[in-house]
Amino acid sequence: MSPWSKVSAGILFFLLGLGYLYRPGLIERINTFLRDVVLNDAHIALERRKWGVFFLLLSVLFLYMGYAALYRAP
């Protein structure tokens, strides 16, 4: 994991922590949205092939980018 991704994750978790402390209603609305739309069992069952292909293509992209970065000519 690169240093910039660690810093980005740290900022994200910091903002999430502040949200839980100062804006719990916003966090509850985000949680409700994620539960109803993204993590909906009926939605996942109906759209599983599309999501599967999407994640496979995403993995190929990241594997190619990682391979290219490892074996880049100096």
N, C-alpha and C. Protein backbone atom coordinates (compact mmCIF):
# COMPACT_ATOMS: atom_id res chain seq x y z
N MET A 1 0.85 -1.17 0.00
CA MET A 1 0.00 0.00 0.00
C MET A 1 0.90 1.23 0.00
N SER A 2 0.62 2.14 -0.92
CA SER A 2 1.48 3.31 -1.05
C SER A 2 1.20 4.30 0.08
N PRO A 3 2.15 5.16 0.34
CA PRO A 3 1.96 6.16 1.41
C PRO A 3 0.76 7.07 1.16
N TRP A 4 0.50 7.42 -0.09
CA TRP A 4 -0.63 8.31 -0.38
C TRP A 4 -1.96 7.62 -0.12
N SER A 5 -2.04 6.34 -0.40
CA SER A 5 -3.29 5.63 -0.12
C SER A 5 -3.51 5.49 1.38
N LYS A 6 -2.44 5.35 2.15
CA LYS A 6 -2.57 5.30 3.61
C LYS A 6 -3.03 6.64 4.16
N VAL A 7 -2.49 7.73 3.62
CA VAL A 7 -2.90 9.07 4.06
C VAL A 7 -4.37 9.30 3.69
N SER A 8 -4.76 8.88 2.48
CA SER A 8 -6.15 9.04 2.05
C SER A 8 -7.10 8.24 2.94
N ALA A 9 -6.72 7.01 3.27
CA ALA A 9 -7.54 6.20 4.16
C ALA A 9 -7.63 6.83 5.54
N GLY A 10 -6.53 7.39 6.02
CA GLY A 10 -6.53 8.06 7.32
C GLY A 10 -7.46 9.25 7.34
N ILE A 11 -7.44 10.06 6.28
CA ILE A 11 -8.33 11.22 6.19
C ILE A 11 -9.78 10.77 6.12
N LEU A 12 -10.05 9.71 5.34
CA LEU A 12 -11.41 9.19 5.23
C LEU A 12 -11.94 8.73 6.59
N PHE A 13 -11.13 7.98 7.33
CA PHE A 13 -11.56 7.50 8.64
C PHE A 13 -11.67 8.64 9.64
N PHE A 14 -10.83 9.65 9.53
CA PHE A 14 -10.93 10.82 10.39
C PHE A 14 -12.26 11.53 10.17
N LEU A 15 -12.61 11.74 8.90
CA LEU A 15 -13.87 12.40 8.58
C LEU A 15 -15.07 11.55 9.00
N LEU A 16 -14.95 10.24 8.87
CA LEU A 16 -16.01 9.35 9.32
C LEU A 16 -16.17 9.43 10.84
N GLY A 17 -15.07 9.49 11.55
CA GLY A 17 -15.12 9.63 13.01
C GLY A 17 -15.76 10.94 13.43
N LEU A 18 -15.39 12.04 12.74
CA LEU A 18 -16.02 13.32 13.04
C LEU A 18 -17.51 13.29 12.73
N GLY A 19 -17.87 12.60 11.67
CA GLY A 19 -19.27 12.46 11.32
C GLY A 19 -20.06 11.74 12.40
N TYR A 20 -19.49 10.67 12.94
CA TYR A 20 -20.16 9.95 14.01
C TYR A 20 -20.30 10.81 15.25
N LEU A 21 -19.33 11.65 15.53
CA LEU A 21 -19.39 12.48 16.73
C LEU A 21 -20.30 13.69 16.58
N TYR A 22 -20.26 14.37 15.44
CA TYR A 22 -20.95 15.64 15.30
C TYR A 22 -22.17 15.61 14.41
N ARG A 23 -22.29 14.65 13.50
CA ARG A 23 -23.44 14.57 12.58
C ARG A 23 -23.96 13.14 12.51
N PRO A 24 -24.46 12.59 13.62
CA PRO A 24 -24.91 11.18 13.58
C PRO A 24 -26.10 10.96 12.64
N GLY A 25 -26.94 11.97 12.45
CA GLY A 25 -28.07 11.83 11.53
C GLY A 25 -27.61 11.59 10.11
N LEU A 26 -26.55 12.27 9.68
CA LEU A 26 -26.00 12.09 8.34
C LEU A 26 -25.45 10.67 8.18
N ILE A 27 -24.76 10.19 9.18
CA ILE A 27 -24.20 8.84 9.13
C ILE A 27 -25.33 7.81 9.07
N GLU A 28 -26.40 8.04 9.82
CA GLU A 28 -27.54 7.11 9.79
C GLU A 28 -28.20 7.11 8.42
N ARG A 29 -28.30 8.28 7.78
CA ARG A 29 -28.89 8.33 6.44
C ARG A 29 -28.01 7.61 5.42
N ILE A 30 -26.70 7.77 5.53
CA ILE A 30 -25.78 7.07 4.63
C ILE A 30 -25.89 5.56 4.85
N ASN A 31 -25.98 5.15 6.12
CA ASN A 31 -26.11 3.73 6.44
C ASN A 31 -27.41 3.17 5.87
N THR A 32 -28.52 3.92 6.00
CA THR A 32 -29.80 3.48 5.45
C THR A 32 -29.73 3.36 3.94
N PHE A 33 -29.11 4.34 3.28
CA PHE A 33 -28.97 4.30 1.83
C PHE A 33 -28.17 3.08 1.39
N LEU A 34 -27.03 2.85 2.05
CA LEU A 34 -26.20 1.70 1.68
C LEU A 34 -26.93 0.39 1.90
N ARG A 35 -27.66 0.29 3.01
CA ARG A 35 -28.39 -0.94 3.30
C ARG A 35 -29.52 -1.18 2.30
N ASP A 36 -30.22 -0.12 1.92
CA ASP A 36 -31.36 -0.26 1.02
C ASP A 36 -30.96 -0.42 -0.44
N VAL A 37 -29.90 0.25 -0.87
CA VAL A 37 -29.55 0.26 -2.28
C VAL A 37 -28.40 -0.69 -2.59
N VAL A 38 -27.30 -0.52 -1.90
CA VAL A 38 -26.09 -1.28 -2.25
C VAL A 38 -26.12 -2.69 -1.69
N LEU A 39 -26.55 -2.85 -0.45
CA LEU A 39 -26.50 -4.16 0.20
C LEU A 39 -27.86 -4.86 0.21
N ASN A 40 -28.75 -4.47 -0.68
CA ASN A 40 -30.06 -5.07 -0.78
C ASN A 40 -29.93 -6.47 -1.38
N ASP A 41 -30.42 -7.49 -0.67
CA ASP A 41 -30.27 -8.87 -1.14
C ASP A 41 -30.97 -9.11 -2.47
N ALA A 42 -32.15 -8.54 -2.64
CA ALA A 42 -32.87 -8.73 -3.90
C ALA A 42 -32.10 -8.08 -5.06
N HIS A 43 -31.54 -6.92 -4.82
CA HIS A 43 -30.77 -6.23 -5.85
C HIS A 43 -29.51 -7.01 -6.21
N ILE A 44 -28.85 -7.53 -5.19
CA ILE A 44 -27.62 -8.28 -5.42
C ILE A 44 -27.92 -9.56 -6.20
N ALA A 45 -29.01 -10.23 -5.86
CA ALA A 45 -29.36 -11.47 -6.55
C ALA A 45 -29.69 -11.21 -8.02
N LEU A 46 -30.36 -10.10 -8.31
CA LEU A 46 -30.75 -9.81 -9.68
C LEU A 46 -29.59 -9.29 -10.52
N GLU A 47 -28.69 -8.57 -9.91
CA GLU A 47 -27.61 -7.91 -10.65
C GLU A 47 -26.25 -8.59 -10.45
N ARG A 48 -26.24 -9.83 -10.01
CA ARG A 48 -24.97 -10.46 -9.65
C ARG A 48 -24.04 -10.64 -10.84
N ARG A 49 -24.58 -10.93 -12.01
CA ARG A 49 -23.71 -11.12 -13.18
C ARG A 49 -23.05 -9.81 -13.58
N LYS A 50 -23.81 -8.72 -13.54
CA LYS A 50 -23.24 -7.42 -13.89
C LYS A 50 -22.14 -7.03 -12.91
N TRP A 51 -22.41 -7.22 -11.62
CA TRP A 51 -21.40 -6.89 -10.61
C TRP A 51 -20.18 -7.81 -10.74
N GLY A 52 -20.41 -9.08 -11.02
CA GLY A 52 -19.29 -10.01 -11.18
C GLY A 52 -18.39 -9.61 -12.32
N VAL A 53 -18.97 -9.28 -13.47
CA VAL A 53 -18.17 -8.85 -14.62
C VAL A 53 -17.46 -7.54 -14.31
N PHE A 54 -18.15 -6.62 -13.65
CA PHE A 54 -17.53 -5.34 -13.29
C PHE A 54 -16.29 -5.56 -12.41
N PHE A 55 -16.41 -6.40 -11.38
CA PHE A 55 -15.27 -6.62 -10.49
C PHE A 55 -14.15 -7.41 -11.17
N LEU A 56 -14.49 -8.30 -12.07
CA LEU A 56 -13.45 -9.00 -12.82
C LEU A 56 -12.68 -8.05 -13.72
N LEU A 57 -13.39 -7.16 -14.41
CA LEU A 57 -12.72 -6.17 -15.25
C LEU A 57 -11.86 -5.22 -14.41
N LEU A 58 -12.38 -4.83 -13.26
CA LEU A 58 -11.62 -3.96 -12.36
C LEU A 58 -10.36 -4.66 -11.87
N SER A 59 -10.46 -5.95 -11.56
CA SER A 59 -9.27 -6.68 -11.11
C SER A 59 -8.24 -6.79 -12.22
N VAL A 60 -8.69 -7.01 -13.45
CA VAL A 60 -7.75 -7.08 -14.58
C VAL A 60 -7.04 -5.74 -14.75
N LEU A 61 -7.78 -4.65 -14.62
CA LEU A 61 -7.18 -3.32 -14.74
C LEU A 61 -6.11 -3.11 -13.67
N PHE A 62 -6.42 -3.44 -12.42
CA PHE A 62 -5.45 -3.23 -11.35
C PHE A 62 -4.26 -4.18 -11.47
N LEU A 63 -4.50 -5.42 -11.88
CA LEU A 63 -3.39 -6.34 -12.08
C LEU A 63 -2.47 -5.84 -13.19
N TYR A 64 -3.03 -5.34 -14.27
CA TYR A 64 -2.21 -4.81 -15.35
C TYR A 64 -1.41 -3.60 -14.88
N MET A 65 -2.08 -2.69 -14.16
CA MET A 65 -1.37 -1.50 -13.67
C MET A 65 -0.24 -1.89 -12.71
N GLY A 66 -0.50 -2.85 -11.83
CA GLY A 66 0.54 -3.31 -10.90
C GLY A 66 1.69 -3.99 -11.62
N TYR A 67 1.37 -4.84 -12.59
CA TYR A 67 2.41 -5.53 -13.36
C TYR A 67 3.25 -4.52 -14.14
N ALA A 68 2.60 -3.54 -14.74
CA ALA A 68 3.32 -2.53 -15.51
C ALA A 68 4.22 -1.70 -14.60
N ALA A 69 3.76 -1.41 -13.39
CA ALA A 69 4.57 -0.62 -12.46
C ALA A 69 5.76 -1.43 -11.94
N LEU A 70 5.58 -2.72 -11.76
CA LEU A 70 6.68 -3.55 -11.25
C LEU A 70 7.78 -3.75 -12.28
N TYR A 71 7.40 -3.90 -13.54
CA TYR A 71 8.36 -4.22 -14.57
C TYR A 71 8.60 -3.07 -15.55
N ARG A 72 8.42 -1.86 -15.05
CA ARG A 72 8.68 -0.68 -15.87
C ARG A 72 10.18 -0.52 -16.08
N ALA A 73 10.54 -0.14 -17.27
CA ALA A 73 11.96 0.07 -17.57
C ALA A 73 12.45 1.32 -16.85
N PRO A 74 13.62 1.24 -16.21
CA PRO A 74 14.14 2.40 -15.45
C PRO A 74 14.54 3.55 -16.29
